[in-house]
Amino acid sequence: MYLIYGLTAMMVIYFLTIKAFPKLVVSEAVYGDYYWPKAPWLFVHVVTGIFATLIGPFQFVKRLRTNYVRGHRLFGFAYMVSIFLAALTAIYLAVYSGYNLMSKISLGIVPFIWIGTTGMAFAAAVKKRFDQHQEWMVRSYVVTLFFIAFVMLDHYLPYSYFGTYEETLPLLTWACWAFPLFVTELILQGRKIFS
């Protein structure tokens, strides 16, 4: 388990340092020809995505949850709002991307999964079903990490073996959220079955 945490932390640090933080400087040189017309949408997506990515792990620390309940709730609400804004801007960016229809659809589905998992976590917390709340928060954070996995594979996947970029983009998109959620579910349910 610690290996998964370590690899995830390394991917997050790499992604934030190389890809996300530079986008906080809003300029045509940084955003490039493709993103510059969508700069306001991308900026909101980046800021809220960074916030959700950074705050998420602290919500899982048991000592912080139990000793600072009000803080946990406040940051949880901020996480939820961040994801809602990041998801809305992601929908816009998917719809107005220059990709083909299948790629737009595959990218456009992810924000709904993000909102759905986070919404279920919120509903479970409101109903005081804290075990379910925690499980849904794990799923939500796995979807939060979707784009980090997507960018890592996007940069290092040898597309020539699989087809053109346009042909492989839907598969890459689905692989970056469906497979991690499947593994997460195996772990969550496996703990219950084999405990």
Foldseek 3Di string as FASTA:
>chain_A
DVVVVVVLVVLLVCCCVPPQVLLCPLDCVSLDPQCNVVSVLVNLLSVLLNLLLVLLVVLPPPVCCVVPVVVSVVSLVSNLVSLLSNLVSQLVCLVPHPADPLLSVLSNVLSVQLNVLSVQLVVCVVVVVNVSNVLSSVLNNLSSCLVSQLVVCVVPPPCVVPDDCRVCNSVSSCCSRVVSSVVSVCVSVVVVVVD
